[in-house]
Amino acid sequence: MAFERACAPDDVPTDEGLAVTVGAYDVAVARDGEEFFAVQDLCSHAQVSLSEGEVADCSIECWLHGSRFDLRTGKPTGLPATEPVATFPVEVREDGLYVDTTTTLNGVTPA
Protein backbone atom coordinates (compact mmCIF):
# COMPACT_ATOMS: atom_id res chain seq x y z
CA MET A 1 0.00 0.00 0.00
CA ALA A 2 1.14 3.50 -0.82
CA PHE A 3 -0.69 6.02 1.31
CA GLU A 4 -0.35 9.69 0.39
CA ARG A 5 -1.47 12.66 2.44
CA ALA A 6 -4.77 13.99 1.06
CA CYS A 7 -5.75 16.74 3.53
CA ALA A 8 -6.27 17.54 7.18
CA PRO A 9 -9.30 15.96 8.88
CA ASP A 10 -10.66 19.42 9.68
CA ASP A 11 -10.67 20.28 5.96
CA VAL A 12 -13.46 17.74 5.32
CA PRO A 13 -16.95 19.24 5.79
CA THR A 14 -19.60 17.16 7.52
CA ASP A 15 -22.28 17.42 4.81
CA GLU A 16 -20.37 17.43 1.53
CA GLY A 17 -17.32 15.87 -0.05
CA LEU A 18 -13.91 17.43 -0.49
CA ALA A 19 -12.13 17.16 -3.85
CA VAL A 20 -8.46 16.21 -3.60
CA THR A 21 -5.92 14.73 -5.99
CA VAL A 22 -4.07 11.68 -4.72
CA GLY A 23 -1.60 9.98 -7.00
CA ALA A 24 -3.13 9.87 -10.48
CA TYR A 25 -6.75 10.16 -9.32
CA ASP A 26 -9.28 12.78 -8.36
CA VAL A 27 -10.75 11.61 -5.06
CA ALA A 28 -13.77 12.70 -3.04
CA VAL A 29 -13.01 12.52 0.67
CA ALA A 30 -16.07 12.44 2.91
CA ARG A 31 -16.89 12.22 6.60
CA ASP A 32 -19.66 10.31 8.36
CA GLY A 33 -19.46 11.21 12.02
CA GLU A 34 -15.82 10.66 12.92
CA GLU A 35 -15.21 8.11 10.15
CA PHE A 36 -13.59 9.13 6.86
CA PHE A 37 -14.02 7.64 3.39
CA ALA A 38 -12.49 8.12 -0.05
CA VAL A 39 -14.14 7.36 -3.39
CA GLN A 40 -13.17 8.21 -6.93
CA ASP A 41 -14.49 11.71 -7.59
CA LEU A 42 -16.39 10.67 -10.69
CA CYS A 43 -20.02 9.55 -10.89
CA SER A 44 -20.29 6.26 -12.76
CA HIS A 45 -23.46 7.47 -14.47
CA ALA A 46 -22.83 11.05 -15.55
CA GLN A 47 -19.04 11.42 -15.26
CA VAL A 48 -19.28 14.50 -13.01
CA SER A 49 -17.63 15.28 -9.69
CA LEU A 50 -19.15 13.50 -6.69
CA SER A 51 -17.38 15.81 -4.26
CA GLU A 52 -19.87 18.55 -5.15
CA GLY A 53 -22.77 16.46 -3.83
CA GLU A 54 -24.29 16.13 -0.39
CA VAL A 55 -23.07 13.57 2.14
CA ALA A 56 -25.55 11.93 4.54
CA ASP A 57 -26.13 8.51 6.08
CA CYS A 58 -22.76 7.17 4.85
CA SER A 59 -23.53 7.99 1.22
CA ILE A 60 -22.67 10.69 -1.28
CA GLU A 61 -25.11 12.07 -3.82
CA CYS A 62 -24.27 13.09 -7.37
CA TRP A 63 -25.38 16.70 -7.77
CA LEU A 64 -26.44 16.26 -11.41
CA HIS A 65 -29.02 13.46 -11.43
CA GLY A 66 -29.28 12.47 -7.76
CA SER A 67 -27.54 9.08 -7.88
CA ARG A 68 -26.31 8.04 -4.44
CA PHE A 69 -23.29 5.88 -3.62
CA ASP A 70 -22.49 4.05 -0.39
CA LEU A 71 -19.21 5.49 0.89
CA ARG A 72 -18.18 2.10 2.35
CA THR A 73 -18.74 -0.03 -0.74
CA GLY A 74 -19.02 2.39 -3.67
CA LYS A 75 -22.27 0.66 -4.70
CA PRO A 76 -25.05 2.83 -6.08
CA THR A 77 -27.98 3.13 -3.68
CA GLY A 78 -30.09 5.41 -5.85
CA LEU A 79 -30.78 5.54 -9.56
CA PRO A 80 -29.94 6.42 -12.26
CA ALA A 81 -26.43 5.04 -11.53
CA THR A 82 -26.13 1.26 -11.75
CA GLU A 83 -22.33 0.83 -11.60
CA PRO A 84 -20.21 1.29 -8.45
CA VAL A 85 -17.40 3.79 -7.99
CA ALA A 86 -13.94 2.88 -6.71
CA THR A 87 -13.38 3.14 -2.95
CA PHE A 88 -9.93 3.65 -1.45
CA PRO A 89 -8.37 2.86 1.94
CA VAL A 90 -8.11 5.84 4.32
CA GLU A 91 -5.87 6.24 7.34
CA VAL A 92 -6.17 9.02 9.90
CA ARG A 93 -2.72 9.97 11.13
CA GLU A 94 -1.48 12.64 13.46
CA ASP A 95 -0.57 14.92 10.55
CA GLY A 96 -3.56 14.31 8.27
CA LEU A 97 -5.77 11.98 6.26
CA TYR A 98 -3.96 9.56 4.00
CA VAL A 99 -5.46 7.74 1.01
CA ASP A 100 -4.05 4.81 -0.95
CA THR A 101 -5.11 4.96 -4.61
CA THR A 102 -2.90 2.02 -5.64
CA THR A 103 -5.55 -0.40 -4.38
CA THR A 104 -9.31 -0.32 -4.04
CA LEU A 105 -11.42 -1.71 -1.21
CA ASN A 106 -14.18 -2.89 -3.52
CA GLY A 107 -12.18 -4.17 -6.50
CA VAL A 108 -13.51 -1.51 -8.89
CA THR A 109 -10.82 -0.22 -11.22
CA PRO A 110 -10.72 3.59 -11.15
CA ALA A 111 -11.46 5.29 -14.47
C-alpha atoms as a PDB file:
ATOM      1  CA  MET A   1       0.000   0.000   0.000  1.00  0.00           C
ATOM      2  CA  ALA A   2       1.145   3.495  -0.816  1.00  0.00           C
ATOM      3  CA  PHE A   3      -0.687   6.022   1.308  1.00  0.00           C
ATOM      4  CA  GLU A   4      -0.352   9.695   0.394  1.00  0.00           C
ATOM      5  CA  ARG A   5      -1.472  12.665   2.443  1.00  0.00           C
ATOM      6  CA  ALA A   6      -4.771  13.992   1.059  1.00  0.00           C
ATOM      7  CA  CYS A   7      -5.749  16.735   3.526  1.00  0.00           C
ATOM      8  CA  ALA A   8      -6.266  17.544   7.178  1.00  0.00           C
ATOM      9  CA  PRO A   9      -9.305  15.962   8.877  1.00  0.00           C
ATOM     10  CA  ASP A  10     -10.661  19.423   9.681  1.00  0.00           C
ATOM     11  CA  ASP A  11     -10.672  20.276   5.961  1.00  0.00           C
ATOM     12  CA  VAL A  12     -13.464  17.744   5.324  1.00  0.00           C
ATOM     13  CA  PRO A  13     -16.951  19.240   5.786  1.00  0.00           C
ATOM     14  CA  THR A  14     -19.603  17.157   7.521  1.00  0.00           C
ATOM     15  CA  ASP A  15     -22.278  17.420   4.811  1.00  0.00           C
ATOM     16  CA  GLU A  16     -20.372  17.427   1.532  1.00  0.00           C
ATOM     17  CA  GLY A  17     -17.317  15.874  -0.045  1.00  0.00           C
ATOM     18  CA  LEU A  18     -13.911  17.432  -0.492  1.00  0.00           C
ATOM     19  CA  ALA A  19     -12.128  17.159  -3.846  1.00  0.00           C
ATOM     20  CA  VAL A  20      -8.456  16.208  -3.600  1.00  0.00           C
ATOM     21  CA  THR A  21      -5.920  14.730  -5.989  1.00  0.00           C
ATOM     22  CA  VAL A  22      -4.072  11.682  -4.721  1.00  0.00           C
ATOM     23  CA  GLY A  23      -1.605   9.984  -7.002  1.00  0.00           C
ATOM     24  CA  ALA A  24      -3.135   9.871 -10.476  1.00  0.00           C
ATOM     25  CA  TYR A  25      -6.746  10.165  -9.317  1.00  0.00           C
ATOM     26  CA  ASP A  26      -9.281  12.777  -8.356  1.00  0.00           C
ATOM     27  CA  VAL A  27     -10.748  11.612  -5.058  1.00  0.00           C
ATOM     28  CA  ALA A  28     -13.769  12.702  -3.044  1.00  0.00           C
ATOM     29  CA  VAL A  29     -13.011  12.520   0.672  1.00  0.00           C
ATOM     30  CA  ALA A  30     -16.075  12.442   2.912  1.00  0.00           C
ATOM     31  CA  ARG A  31     -16.891  12.216   6.601  1.00  0.00           C
ATOM     32  CA  ASP A  32     -19.663  10.313   8.356  1.00  0.00           C
ATOM     33  CA  GLY A  33     -19.457  11.213  12.016  1.00  0.00           C
ATOM     34  CA  GLU A  34     -15.815  10.656  12.923  1.00  0.00           C
ATOM     35  CA  GLU A  35     -15.207   8.111  10.152  1.00  0.00           C
ATOM     36  CA  PHE A  36     -13.592   9.132   6.860  1.00  0.00           C
ATOM     37  CA  PHE A  37     -14.021   7.642   3.388  1.00  0.00           C
ATOM     38  CA  ALA A  38     -12.488   8.120  -0.055  1.00  0.00           C
ATOM     39  CA  VAL A  39     -14.144   7.358  -3.388  1.00  0.00           C
ATOM     40  CA  GLN A  40     -13.174   8.212  -6.926  1.00  0.00           C
ATOM     41  CA  ASP A  41     -14.489  11.706  -7.586  1.00  0.00           C
ATOM     42  CA  LEU A  42     -16.390  10.667 -10.692  1.00  0.00           C
ATOM     43  CA  CYS A  43     -20.016   9.555 -10.888  1.00  0.00           C
ATOM     44  CA  SER A  44     -20.286   6.256 -12.759  1.00  0.00           C
ATOM     45  CA  HIS A  45     -23.457   7.473 -14.466  1.00  0.00           C
ATOM     46  CA  ALA A  46     -22.829  11.046 -15.551  1.00  0.00           C
ATOM     47  CA  GLN A  47     -19.038  11.424 -15.257  1.00  0.00           C
ATOM     48  CA  VAL A  48     -19.283  14.502 -13.007  1.00  0.00           C
ATOM     49  CA  SER A  49     -17.630  15.278  -9.690  1.00  0.00           C
ATOM     50  CA  LEU A  50     -19.150  13.500  -6.691  1.00  0.00           C
ATOM     51  CA  SER A  51     -17.378  15.807  -4.257  1.00  0.00           C
ATOM     52  CA  GLU A  52     -19.866  18.546  -5.152  1.00  0.00           C
ATOM     53  CA  GLY A  53     -22.766  16.458  -3.833  1.00  0.00           C
ATOM     54  CA  GLU A  54     -24.293  16.127  -0.385  1.00  0.00           C
ATOM     55  CA  VAL A  55     -23.070  13.569   2.138  1.00  0.00           C
ATOM     56  CA  ALA A  56     -25.551  11.928   4.539  1.00  0.00           C
ATOM     57  CA  ASP A  57     -26.130   8.507   6.079  1.00  0.00           C
ATOM     58  CA  CYS A  58     -22.763   7.166   4.851  1.00  0.00           C
ATOM     59  CA  SER A  59     -23.530   7.993   1.217  1.00  0.00           C
ATOM     60  CA  ILE A  60     -22.668  10.690  -1.281  1.00  0.00           C
ATOM     61  CA  GLU A  61     -25.110  12.074  -3.820  1.00  0.00           C
ATOM     62  CA  CYS A  62     -24.272  13.090  -7.369  1.00  0.00           C
ATOM     63  CA  TRP A  63     -25.383  16.696  -7.770  1.00  0.00           C
ATOM     64  CA  LEU A  64     -26.441  16.262 -11.414  1.00  0.00           C
ATOM     65  CA  HIS A  65     -29.023  13.456 -11.427  1.00  0.00           C
ATOM     66  CA  GLY A  66     -29.277  12.466  -7.764  1.00  0.00           C
ATOM     67  CA  SER A  67     -27.541   9.076  -7.883  1.00  0.00           C
ATOM     68  CA  ARG A  68     -26.308   8.044  -4.442  1.00  0.00           C
ATOM     69  CA  PHE A  69     -23.285   5.881  -3.620  1.00  0.00           C
ATOM     70  CA  ASP A  70     -22.490   4.053  -0.389  1.00  0.00           C
ATOM     71  CA  LEU A  71     -19.212   5.489   0.889  1.00  0.00           C
ATOM     72  CA  ARG A  72     -18.176   2.103   2.350  1.00  0.00           C
ATOM     73  CA  THR A  73     -18.743  -0.032  -0.739  1.00  0.00           C
ATOM     74  CA  GLY A  74     -19.024   2.386  -3.674  1.00  0.00           C
ATOM     75  CA  LYS A  75     -22.272   0.661  -4.696  1.00  0.00           C
ATOM     76  CA  PRO A  76     -25.047   2.833  -6.076  1.00  0.00           C
ATOM     77  CA  THR A  77     -27.979   3.126  -3.679  1.00  0.00           C
ATOM     78  CA  GLY A  78     -30.086   5.408  -5.851  1.00  0.00           C
ATOM     79  CA  LEU A  79     -30.782   5.538  -9.564  1.00  0.00           C
ATOM     80  CA  PRO A  80     -29.941   6.424 -12.262  1.00  0.00           C
ATOM     81  CA  ALA A  81     -26.430   5.044 -11.531  1.00  0.00           C
ATOM     82  CA  THR A  82     -26.131   1.262 -11.753  1.00  0.00           C
ATOM     83  CA  GLU A  83     -22.330   0.834 -11.599  1.00  0.00           C
ATOM     84  CA  PRO A  84     -20.212   1.289  -8.448  1.00  0.00           C
ATOM     85  CA  VAL A  85     -17.400   3.795  -7.985  1.00  0.00           C
ATOM     86  CA  ALA A  86     -13.941   2.879  -6.707  1.00  0.00           C
ATOM     87  CA  THR A  87     -13.379   3.143  -2.952  1.00  0.00           C
ATOM     88  CA  PHE A  88      -9.935   3.650  -1.452  1.00  0.00           C
ATOM     89  CA  PRO A  89      -8.371   2.862   1.941  1.00  0.00           C
ATOM     90  CA  VAL A  90      -8.108   5.840   4.317  1.00  0.00           C
ATOM     91  CA  GLU A  91      -5.874   6.243   7.345  1.00  0.00           C
ATOM     92  CA  VAL A  92      -6.174   9.021   9.900  1.00  0.00           C
ATOM     93  CA  ARG A  93      -2.722   9.970  11.127  1.00  0.00           C
ATOM     94  CA  GLU A  94      -1.484  12.643  13.464  1.00  0.00           C
ATOM     95  CA  ASP A  95      -0.566  14.915  10.553  1.00  0.00           C
ATOM     96  CA  GLY A  96      -3.557  14.310   8.267  1.00  0.00           C
ATOM     97  CA  LEU A  97      -5.768  11.978   6.257  1.00  0.00           C
ATOM     98  CA  TYR A  98      -3.957   9.563   3.998  1.00  0.00           C
ATOM     99  CA  VAL A  99      -5.460   7.744   1.008  1.00  0.00           C
ATOM    100  CA  ASP A 100      -4.052   4.813  -0.948  1.00  0.00           C
ATOM    101  CA  THR A 101      -5.105   4.960  -4.607  1.00  0.00           C
ATOM    102  CA  THR A 102      -2.899   2.025  -5.637  1.00  0.00           C
ATOM    103  CA  THR A 103      -5.551  -0.401  -4.383  1.00  0.00           C
ATOM    104  CA  THR A 104      -9.315  -0.317  -4.036  1.00  0.00           C
ATOM    105  CA  LEU A 105     -11.417  -1.713  -1.213  1.00  0.00           C
ATOM    106  CA  ASN A 106     -14.178  -2.895  -3.524  1.00  0.00           C
ATOM    107  CA  GLY A 107     -12.183  -4.171  -6.505  1.00  0.00           C
ATOM    108  CA  VAL A 108     -13.514  -1.513  -8.890  1.00  0.00           C
ATOM    109  CA  THR A 109     -10.817  -0.215 -11.220  1.00  0.00           C
ATOM    110  CA  PRO A 110     -10.722   3.587 -11.146  1.00  0.00           C
ATOM    111  CA  ALA A 111     -11.456   5.289 -14.468  1.00  0.00           C
END
